[in-house]
């Protein structure tokens, strides 16, 4: 995977500083986590070097019916984890963890044939992308500060069917 590095404060053209990974964790992971209500008070907070998410995060919000667990802080279409399946393809259990990667402005995972952008949507100054890695059968939610749909030209624009999602 090609990654563009650059943690730390940067300055946008409009003189506003970009968010740090820690600030993005507080915005997109902490709201629905059972472990705590912010990184300064959370006993499970774990951000390994070069990580793109809090590794201690556990989803704690559930909606009745088919929706199941959700990740508060993320928009519709990007807030549900994949369930775990058994060898027969039957749902074994709902996952309480979430594959999320947080990218401050100027960074992204480098989508290509190994990281395929499937759905994308711009909301509140962030690009949300459902990324599939077919070689290892894994999906991710990528959140890119100030990202645009031009970054993922092959992805479907989820805003076009946002109202149809549960």
C-alpha atoms as a PDB file:
ATOM      1  CA  UNK A   1       0.000   0.000   0.000  1.00  0.00           C
ATOM      2  CA  UNK A   2       1.330   3.398  -0.922  1.00  0.00           C
ATOM      3  CA  UNK A   3       0.938   5.829   1.958  1.00  0.00           C
ATOM      4  CA  UNK A   4       1.622   9.513   2.005  1.00  0.00           C
ATOM      5  CA  UNK A   5       3.137  10.431   5.334  1.00  0.00           C
ATOM      6  CA  UNK A   6       3.142  13.678   7.180  1.00  0.00           C
ATOM      7  CA  UNK A   7       1.823  13.685  10.726  1.00  0.00           C
ATOM      8  CA  UNK A   8       1.991  16.919  12.615  1.00  0.00           C
ATOM      9  CA  UNK A   9       0.685  20.365  11.969  1.00  0.00           C
ATOM     10  CA  UNK A  10       0.439  21.591   8.421  1.00  0.00           C
ATOM     11  CA  UNK A  11      -1.103  24.778   7.089  1.00  0.00           C
ATOM     12  CA  UNK A  12      -3.819  24.948   4.463  1.00  0.00           C
ATOM     13  CA  UNK A  13      -3.935  27.717   1.904  1.00  0.00           C
ATOM     14  CA  UNK A  14      -6.655  29.373   3.984  1.00  0.00           C
ATOM     15  CA  UNK A  15      -4.310  29.378   7.029  1.00  0.00           C
ATOM     16  CA  UNK A  16      -6.370  26.791   8.936  1.00  0.00           C
ATOM     17  CA  UNK A  17      -4.292  23.934  10.337  1.00  0.00           C
ATOM     18  CA  UNK A  18      -5.150  20.347   9.442  1.00  0.00           C
ATOM     19  CA  UNK A  19      -6.422  17.887  11.986  1.00  0.00           C
ATOM     20  CA  UNK A  20      -4.049  15.456  13.639  1.00  0.00           C
ATOM     21  CA  UNK A  21      -4.757  11.714  13.726  1.00  0.00           C
ATOM     22  CA  UNK A  22      -5.675  12.166  17.401  1.00  0.00           C
ATOM     23  CA  UNK A  23      -8.252  14.862  16.595  1.00  0.00           C
ATOM     24  CA  UNK A  24      -9.743  12.682  13.862  1.00  0.00           C
ATOM     25  CA  UNK A  25      -9.966   9.756  16.322  1.00  0.00           C
ATOM     26  CA  UNK A  26     -11.867  11.996  18.736  1.00  0.00           C
ATOM     27  CA  UNK A  27     -14.250  13.059  15.949  1.00  0.00           C
ATOM     28  CA  UNK A  28     -14.860   9.733  14.193  1.00  0.00           C
ATOM     29  CA  UNK A  29     -14.049   6.897  16.615  1.00  0.00           C
ATOM     30  CA  UNK A  30     -14.646   8.122  20.181  1.00  0.00           C
ATOM     31  CA  UNK A  31     -18.366   9.056  19.811  1.00  0.00           C
ATOM     32  CA  UNK A  32     -19.518   5.432  19.611  1.00  0.00           C
ATOM     33  CA  UNK A  33     -16.788   3.684  21.601  1.00  0.00           C
ATOM     34  CA  UNK A  34     -17.547   1.729  24.786  1.00  0.00           C
ATOM     35  CA  UNK A  35     -14.021   2.274  26.099  1.00  0.00           C
ATOM     36  CA  UNK A  36     -14.226   5.966  26.889  1.00  0.00           C
ATOM     37  CA  UNK A  37     -15.376   9.387  25.851  1.00  0.00           C
ATOM     38  CA  UNK A  38     -12.123  10.842  24.538  1.00  0.00           C
ATOM     39  CA  UNK A  39      -8.469   9.947  24.220  1.00  0.00           C
ATOM     40  CA  UNK A  40      -7.405  11.864  27.340  1.00  0.00           C
ATOM     41  CA  UNK A  41      -9.638   9.775  29.640  1.00  0.00           C
ATOM     42  CA  UNK A  42      -9.725   6.435  27.810  1.00  0.00           C
ATOM     43  CA  UNK A  43      -7.883   3.482  29.333  1.00  0.00           C
ATOM     44  CA  UNK A  44      -8.059   1.535  26.050  1.00  0.00           C
ATOM     45  CA  UNK A  45      -6.682   4.316  23.801  1.00  0.00           C
ATOM     46  CA  UNK A  46      -3.921   2.816  21.672  1.00  0.00           C
ATOM     47  CA  UNK A  47      -2.318   4.609  18.739  1.00  0.00           C
ATOM     48  CA  UNK A  48       0.752   2.654  17.608  1.00  0.00           C
ATOM     49  CA  UNK A  49       3.426   4.471  15.605  1.00  0.00           C
ATOM     50  CA  UNK A  50       2.311   5.019  11.978  1.00  0.00           C
ATOM     51  CA  UNK A  51      -1.215   3.782  12.759  1.00  0.00           C
ATOM     52  CA  UNK A  52      -4.268   5.348  11.127  1.00  0.00           C
ATOM     53  CA  UNK A  53      -6.743   4.588  13.951  1.00  0.00           C
ATOM     54  CA  UNK A  54      -7.156   3.842  17.640  1.00  0.00           C
ATOM     55  CA  UNK A  55      -6.504   0.118  17.989  1.00  0.00           C
ATOM     56  CA  UNK A  56      -8.415   0.000  21.309  1.00  0.00           C
ATOM     57  CA  UNK A  57     -11.709   1.143  19.740  1.00  0.00           C
ATOM     58  CA  UNK A  58     -14.793  -1.016  20.355  1.00  0.00           C
ATOM     59  CA  UNK A  59     -18.163  -0.226  18.762  1.00  0.00           C
ATOM     60  CA  UNK A  60     -20.773   0.282  21.437  1.00  0.00           C
ATOM     61  CA  UNK A  61     -23.851   1.609  19.666  1.00  0.00           C
ATOM     62  CA  UNK A  62     -26.583  -0.711  18.463  1.00  0.00           C
ATOM     63  CA  UNK A  63     -29.761  -0.087  16.538  1.00  0.00           C
ATOM     64  CA  UNK A  64     -32.566  -2.642  16.684  1.00  0.00           C
ATOM     65  CA  UNK A  65     -33.568  -4.678  13.673  1.00  0.00           C
ATOM     66  CA  UNK A  66     -31.290  -5.445  10.757  1.00  0.00           C
ATOM     67  CA  UNK A  67     -29.059  -2.397  11.321  1.00  0.00           C
ATOM     68  CA  UNK A  68     -27.188  -3.935  14.266  1.00  0.00           C
ATOM     69  CA  UNK A  69     -23.993  -2.243  15.448  1.00  0.00           C
ATOM     70  CA  UNK A  70     -23.050   1.159  14.076  1.00  0.00           C
ATOM     71  CA  UNK A  71     -20.113   3.527  14.399  1.00  0.00           C
ATOM     72  CA  UNK A  72     -21.429   6.842  15.672  1.00  0.00           C
ATOM     73  CA  UNK A  73     -19.549   9.775  14.194  1.00  0.00           C
ATOM     74  CA  UNK A  74     -19.662   8.390  10.646  1.00  0.00           C
ATOM     75  CA  UNK A  75     -22.369   9.099   8.051  1.00  0.00           C
ATOM     76  CA  UNK A  76     -24.946   6.627   6.797  1.00  0.00           C
ATOM     77  CA  UNK A  77     -23.423   4.144   4.365  1.00  0.00           C
ATOM     78  CA  UNK A  78     -20.062   4.280   6.127  1.00  0.00           C
ATOM     79  CA  UNK A  79     -21.027   3.471   9.725  1.00  0.00           C
ATOM     80  CA  UNK A  80     -21.719  -0.283   9.708  1.00  0.00           C
ATOM     81  CA  UNK A  81     -19.075  -2.932  10.320  1.00  0.00           C
ATOM     82  CA  UNK A  82     -19.077  -6.170   8.356  1.00  0.00           C
ATOM     83  CA  UNK A  83     -20.288  -9.219  10.281  1.00  0.00           C
ATOM     84  CA  UNK A  84     -18.093 -12.286  10.767  1.00  0.00           C
ATOM     85  CA  UNK A  85     -19.091 -15.266   8.616  1.00  0.00           C
ATOM     86  CA  UNK A  86     -18.558 -18.979   9.162  1.00  0.00           C
ATOM     87  CA  UNK A  87     -17.222 -21.373   6.491  1.00  0.00           C
ATOM     88  CA  UNK A  88     -20.750 -21.806   5.039  1.00  0.00           C
ATOM     89  CA  UNK A  89     -21.210 -18.060   4.547  1.00  0.00           C
ATOM     90  CA  UNK A  90     -23.675 -17.716   7.425  1.00  0.00           C
ATOM     91  CA  UNK A  91     -23.383 -14.738   9.758  1.00  0.00           C
ATOM     92  CA  UNK A  92     -21.524 -16.006  12.806  1.00  0.00           C
ATOM     93  CA  UNK A  93     -21.718 -12.817  14.860  1.00  0.00           C
ATOM     94  CA  UNK A  94     -21.808  -9.060  14.530  1.00  0.00           C
ATOM     95  CA  UNK A  95     -18.393  -7.438  14.782  1.00  0.00           C
ATOM     96  CA  UNK A  96     -17.750  -4.880  17.491  1.00  0.00           C
ATOM     97  CA  UNK A  97     -14.616  -3.525  15.803  1.00  0.00           C
ATOM     98  CA  UNK A  98     -14.263  -1.461  12.701  1.00  0.00           C
ATOM     99  CA  UNK A  99     -11.681  -1.177   9.927  1.00  0.00           C
ATOM    100  CA  UNK A 100     -11.176   2.569   9.690  1.00  0.00           C
ATOM    101  CA  UNK A 101      -8.231   4.606   8.437  1.00  0.00           C
ATOM    102  CA  UNK A 102      -8.001   8.324   9.167  1.00  0.00           C
ATOM    103  CA  UNK A 103      -6.067  10.582   6.788  1.00  0.00           C
ATOM    104  CA  UNK A 104      -5.287  14.245   7.548  1.00  0.00           C
ATOM    105  CA  UNK A 105      -5.301  16.627   4.591  1.00  0.00           C
ATOM    106  CA  UNK A 106      -2.738  15.784   1.914  1.00  0.00           C
ATOM    107  CA  UNK A 107      -2.661  12.061   2.734  1.00  0.00           C
ATOM    108  CA  UNK A 108      -4.580   9.074   1.362  1.00  0.00           C
ATOM    109  CA  UNK A 109      -4.152   5.291   0.988  1.00  0.00           C
ATOM    110  CA  UNK A 110      -3.299   5.466  -2.725  1.00  0.00           C
ATOM    111  CA  UNK A 111      -6.230   3.692  -4.370  1.00  0.00           C
ATOM    112  CA  UNK A 112      -5.312   1.239  -7.122  1.00  0.00           C
ATOM    113  CA  UNK A 113      -6.052  -2.363  -8.140  1.00  0.00           C
ATOM    114  CA  UNK A 114      -5.160  -3.549  -4.599  1.00  0.00           C
ATOM    115  CA  UNK A 115      -7.088  -0.797  -2.750  1.00  0.00           C
ATOM    116  CA  UNK A 116     -10.303  -0.306  -4.714  1.00  0.00           C
ATOM    117  CA  UNK A 117     -12.516   2.679  -3.913  1.00  0.00           C
ATOM    118  CA  UNK A 118     -16.081   1.351  -4.157  1.00  0.00           C
ATOM    119  CA  UNK A 119     -18.308   4.055  -2.610  1.00  0.00           C
ATOM    120  CA  UNK A 120     -17.349   7.637  -1.839  1.00  0.00           C
ATOM    121  CA  UNK A 121     -19.109  10.686  -0.453  1.00  0.00           C
ATOM    122  CA  UNK A 122     -18.071  14.171   0.603  1.00  0.00           C
ATOM    123  CA  UNK A 123     -19.705  15.394   3.793  1.00  0.00           C
ATOM    124  CA  UNK A 124     -18.774  18.197   6.201  1.00  0.00           C
ATOM    125  CA  UNK A 125     -15.345  18.728   4.621  1.00  0.00           C
ATOM    126  CA  UNK A 126     -14.345  15.042   4.620  1.00  0.00           C
ATOM    127  CA  UNK A 127     -14.222  12.407   1.912  1.00  0.00           C
ATOM    128  CA  UNK A 128     -15.610   9.080   3.156  1.00  0.00           C
ATOM    129  CA  UNK A 129     -14.597   6.060   1.066  1.00  0.00           C
ATOM    130  CA  UNK A 130     -15.538   2.399   1.352  1.00  0.00           C
ATOM    131  CA  UNK A 131     -12.335   0.755   0.155  1.00  0.00           C
ATOM    132  CA  UNK A 132     -12.069  -2.939  -0.717  1.00  0.00           C
ATOM    133  CA  UNK A 133      -8.792  -4.855  -0.781  1.00  0.00           C
ATOM    134  CA  UNK A 134      -9.707  -7.924  -2.871  1.00  0.00           C
ATOM    135  CA  UNK A 135      -6.375  -9.696  -2.487  1.00  0.00           C
ATOM    136  CA  UNK A 136      -6.985 -10.171   1.240  1.00  0.00           C
ATOM    137  CA  UNK A 137     -10.817  -9.921   1.188  1.00  0.00           C
ATOM    138  CA  UNK A 138     -10.968  -6.954   3.539  1.00  0.00           C
ATOM    139  CA  UNK A 139     -12.762  -3.645   3.489  1.00  0.00           C
ATOM    140  CA  UNK A 140     -11.948  -0.295   5.077  1.00  0.00           C
ATOM    141  CA  UNK A 141     -13.606   3.014   5.718  1.00  0.00           C
ATOM    142  CA  UNK A 142     -11.156   5.736   4.736  1.00  0.00           C
ATOM    143  CA  UNK A 143     -11.817   9.265   6.042  1.00  0.00           C
ATOM    144  CA  UNK A 144      -9.803  11.976   4.283  1.00  0.00           C
ATOM    145  CA  UNK A 145      -9.798  15.551   5.511  1.00  0.00           C
ATOM    146  CA  UNK A 146     -10.676  17.934   2.642  1.00  0.00           C
ATOM    147  CA  UNK A 147     -10.766  15.042   0.171  1.00  0.00           C
ATOM    148  CA  UNK A 148     -12.751  15.325  -3.063  1.00  0.00           C
ATOM    149  CA  UNK A 149     -14.535  12.876  -5.342  1.00  0.00           C
ATOM    150  CA  UNK A 150     -11.857  13.631  -7.960  1.00  0.00           C
ATOM    151  CA  UNK A 151      -9.489  11.547  -5.794  1.00  0.00           C
ATOM    152  CA  UNK A 152     -11.604   8.426  -6.434  1.00  0.00           C
ATOM    153  CA  UNK A 153     -12.985   8.740  -9.999  1.00  0.00           C
ATOM    154  CA  UNK A 154     -14.010   5.061 -10.236  1.00  0.00           C
ATOM    155  CA  UNK A 155     -16.012   5.020  -6.973  1.00  0.00           C
ATOM    156  CA  UNK A 156     -19.781   5.325  -6.933  1.00  0.00           C
ATOM    157  CA  UNK A 157     -20.950   8.608  -5.423  1.00  0.00           C
ATOM    158  CA  UNK A 158     -22.929   7.417  -2.380  1.00  0.00           C
ATOM    159  CA  UNK A 159     -24.610  10.825  -2.095  1.00  0.00           C
ATOM    160  CA  UNK A 160     -26.633   9.853  -5.185  1.00  0.00           C
ATOM    161  CA  UNK A 161     -28.412   7.079  -3.206  1.00  0.00           C
ATOM    162  CA  UNK A 162     -27.920   8.340   0.362  1.00  0.00           C
ATOM    163  CA  UNK A 163     -31.669   8.533   1.089  1.00  0.00           C
ATOM    164  CA  UNK A 164     -32.097   4.874   0.043  1.00  0.00           C
ATOM    165  CA  UNK A 165     -29.686   3.603   2.727  1.00  0.00           C
ATOM    166  CA  UNK A 166     -30.789   2.481   6.167  1.00  0.00           C
END
